[in-house]
């Protein structure tokens, strides 16, 4: 299993308000893969976002479902550094009209 496989699995986790995946939104800060264990650090667009718990649970489920060989998954919700719109992929910024 690789970091890329985990990120591809996370692309199936959509922000319900925007319909855009958490990877392209820039919400996934780090992915560590070692000996069947996966640890993900992700954030929300705002600490006030009520979806943090549900999106982290969806992220864990997507990894377990899609990445072969996973024995343990931890998804940590982090707030540092704070999320900024420039963390989104260029394609996502264009899709949302935030790019020229």
C-alpha atoms as a PDB file:
ATOM      1  CA  UNK A   1       0.000   0.000   0.000  1.00  0.00           C
ATOM      2  CA  UNK A   2       1.189   3.499  -0.819  1.00  0.00           C
ATOM      3  CA  UNK A   3       0.455   7.098   0.067  1.00  0.00           C
ATOM      4  CA  UNK A   4      -0.966   7.551  -3.454  1.00  0.00           C
ATOM      5  CA  UNK A   5      -3.449   4.706  -2.897  1.00  0.00           C
ATOM      6  CA  UNK A   6      -4.598   6.350   0.320  1.00  0.00           C
ATOM      7  CA  UNK A   7      -4.975   9.748  -1.359  1.00  0.00           C
ATOM      8  CA  UNK A   8      -6.993   8.138  -4.178  1.00  0.00           C
ATOM      9  CA  UNK A   9      -9.293   6.554  -1.584  1.00  0.00           C
ATOM     10  CA  UNK A  10      -9.704   9.952   0.084  1.00  0.00           C
ATOM     11  CA  UNK A  11     -10.772  11.452  -3.239  1.00  0.00           C
ATOM     12  CA  UNK A  12     -14.026   9.514  -2.708  1.00  0.00           C
ATOM     13  CA  UNK A  13     -14.779  11.598   0.406  1.00  0.00           C
ATOM     14  CA  UNK A  14     -16.771  14.647  -0.647  1.00  0.00           C
ATOM     15  CA  UNK A  15     -17.515  17.855   1.179  1.00  0.00           C
ATOM     16  CA  UNK A  16     -21.327  17.682   1.225  1.00  0.00           C
ATOM     17  CA  UNK A  17     -21.779  21.420   0.711  1.00  0.00           C
ATOM     18  CA  UNK A  18     -19.417  21.760  -2.251  1.00  0.00           C
ATOM     19  CA  UNK A  19     -19.451  18.249  -3.704  1.00  0.00           C
ATOM     20  CA  UNK A  20     -15.653  18.374  -4.034  1.00  0.00           C
ATOM     21  CA  UNK A  21     -13.315  15.796  -2.550  1.00  0.00           C
ATOM     22  CA  UNK A  22     -11.228  16.517   0.540  1.00  0.00           C
ATOM     23  CA  UNK A  23      -7.907  16.034  -1.283  1.00  0.00           C
ATOM     24  CA  UNK A  24      -8.606  18.633  -3.974  1.00  0.00           C
ATOM     25  CA  UNK A  25      -9.997  20.995  -1.334  1.00  0.00           C
ATOM     26  CA  UNK A  26      -6.593  20.858   0.365  1.00  0.00           C
ATOM     27  CA  UNK A  27      -7.998  19.395   3.574  1.00  0.00           C
ATOM     28  CA  UNK A  28      -5.565  16.455   3.697  1.00  0.00           C
ATOM     29  CA  UNK A  29      -2.318  17.665   5.241  1.00  0.00           C
ATOM     30  CA  UNK A  30      -0.377  14.422   5.625  1.00  0.00           C
ATOM     31  CA  UNK A  31      -0.586  10.707   4.872  1.00  0.00           C
ATOM     32  CA  UNK A  32       1.736   8.201   6.535  1.00  0.00           C
ATOM     33  CA  UNK A  33       1.766   4.524   5.564  1.00  0.00           C
ATOM     34  CA  UNK A  34       3.800   1.935   7.443  1.00  0.00           C
ATOM     35  CA  UNK A  35       3.398  -1.818   7.976  1.00  0.00           C
ATOM     36  CA  UNK A  36      -0.311  -1.854   7.167  1.00  0.00           C
ATOM     37  CA  UNK A  37      -1.038   1.172   9.323  1.00  0.00           C
ATOM     38  CA  UNK A  38      -2.309   4.438   7.878  1.00  0.00           C
ATOM     39  CA  UNK A  39      -2.338   7.780   9.639  1.00  0.00           C
ATOM     40  CA  UNK A  40      -3.950  10.815   8.034  1.00  0.00           C
ATOM     41  CA  UNK A  41      -3.867  14.402   9.264  1.00  0.00           C
ATOM     42  CA  UNK A  42      -6.709  16.455   7.845  1.00  0.00           C
ATOM     43  CA  UNK A  43      -8.522  19.666   8.626  1.00  0.00           C
ATOM     44  CA  UNK A  44     -11.759  21.456   7.849  1.00  0.00           C
ATOM     45  CA  UNK A  45     -12.172  24.808   6.159  1.00  0.00           C
ATOM     46  CA  UNK A  46     -13.085  26.271   9.558  1.00  0.00           C
ATOM     47  CA  UNK A  47     -12.860  25.086  13.179  1.00  0.00           C
ATOM     48  CA  UNK A  48     -16.590  25.880  13.375  1.00  0.00           C
ATOM     49  CA  UNK A  49     -17.360  23.331  10.634  1.00  0.00           C
ATOM     50  CA  UNK A  50     -19.898  20.855  12.050  1.00  0.00           C
ATOM     51  CA  UNK A  51     -18.822  18.118   9.608  1.00  0.00           C
ATOM     52  CA  UNK A  52     -15.418  17.295  11.083  1.00  0.00           C
ATOM     53  CA  UNK A  53     -16.448  14.124  12.868  1.00  0.00           C
ATOM     54  CA  UNK A  54     -18.482  12.759   9.973  1.00  0.00           C
ATOM     55  CA  UNK A  55     -15.826  13.540   7.347  1.00  0.00           C
ATOM     56  CA  UNK A  56     -13.066  11.909   9.394  1.00  0.00           C
ATOM     57  CA  UNK A  57     -15.255   8.803   9.810  1.00  0.00           C
ATOM     58  CA  UNK A  58     -15.939   8.795   6.058  1.00  0.00           C
ATOM     59  CA  UNK A  59     -12.209   9.137   5.383  1.00  0.00           C
ATOM     60  CA  UNK A  60     -11.414   6.149   7.594  1.00  0.00           C
ATOM     61  CA  UNK A  61     -14.130   4.050   5.947  1.00  0.00           C
ATOM     62  CA  UNK A  62     -12.957   4.985   2.435  1.00  0.00           C
ATOM     63  CA  UNK A  63      -9.387   3.942   3.245  1.00  0.00           C
ATOM     64  CA  UNK A  64     -10.452   0.640   4.802  1.00  0.00           C
ATOM     65  CA  UNK A  65     -12.733  -0.093   1.836  1.00  0.00           C
ATOM     66  CA  UNK A  66     -10.358   0.879  -0.960  1.00  0.00           C
ATOM     67  CA  UNK A  67      -6.782   0.241   0.129  1.00  0.00           C
ATOM     68  CA  UNK A  68      -5.719  -3.414   0.309  1.00  0.00           C
ATOM     69  CA  UNK A  69      -3.562  -4.520   3.217  1.00  0.00           C
ATOM     70  CA  UNK A  70      -4.685  -1.895   5.727  1.00  0.00           C
ATOM     71  CA  UNK A  71      -4.666  -3.175   9.298  1.00  0.00           C
ATOM     72  CA  UNK A  72      -5.255   0.113  11.152  1.00  0.00           C
ATOM     73  CA  UNK A  73      -6.405   3.602  10.215  1.00  0.00           C
ATOM     74  CA  UNK A  74      -6.159   6.779  12.265  1.00  0.00           C
ATOM     75  CA  UNK A  75      -7.558  10.046  10.959  1.00  0.00           C
ATOM     76  CA  UNK A  76      -6.538  13.024  13.072  1.00  0.00           C
ATOM     77  CA  UNK A  77      -8.417  16.291  12.785  1.00  0.00           C
ATOM     78  CA  UNK A  78      -5.868  19.112  13.053  1.00  0.00           C
ATOM     79  CA  UNK A  79      -6.147  22.896  12.978  1.00  0.00           C
ATOM     80  CA  UNK A  80      -2.538  23.923  12.344  1.00  0.00           C
ATOM     81  CA  UNK A  81      -1.796  25.306   9.933  1.00  0.00           C
ATOM     82  CA  UNK A  82      -5.196  26.893   9.426  1.00  0.00           C
ATOM     83  CA  UNK A  83      -6.767  25.997   6.075  1.00  0.00           C
ATOM     84  CA  UNK A  84      -6.556  28.666   3.358  1.00  0.00           C
ATOM     85  CA  UNK A  85      -8.198  28.760  -0.084  1.00  0.00           C
ATOM     86  CA  UNK A  86      -4.770  28.607  -1.763  1.00  0.00           C
ATOM     87  CA  UNK A  87      -4.428  25.046  -0.414  1.00  0.00           C
ATOM     88  CA  UNK A  88      -7.012  23.873  -2.946  1.00  0.00           C
ATOM     89  CA  UNK A  89      -5.874  22.392  -6.228  1.00  0.00           C
ATOM     90  CA  UNK A  90      -5.742  24.848  -9.112  1.00  0.00           C
ATOM     91  CA  UNK A  91      -8.590  22.985 -10.847  1.00  0.00           C
ATOM     92  CA  UNK A  92     -10.757  23.297  -7.743  1.00  0.00           C
ATOM     93  CA  UNK A  93     -10.025  27.015  -7.383  1.00  0.00           C
ATOM     94  CA  UNK A  94     -11.042  27.487 -11.025  1.00  0.00           C
ATOM     95  CA  UNK A  95     -14.183  25.365 -10.526  1.00  0.00           C
ATOM     96  CA  UNK A  96     -15.197  27.593  -7.604  1.00  0.00           C
ATOM     97  CA  UNK A  97     -14.305  30.764  -9.472  1.00  0.00           C
ATOM     98  CA  UNK A  98     -11.436  31.653  -7.121  1.00  0.00           C
ATOM     99  CA  UNK A  99      -8.772  31.766  -9.799  1.00  0.00           C
ATOM    100  CA  UNK A 100      -8.226  33.867 -12.880  1.00  0.00           C
END
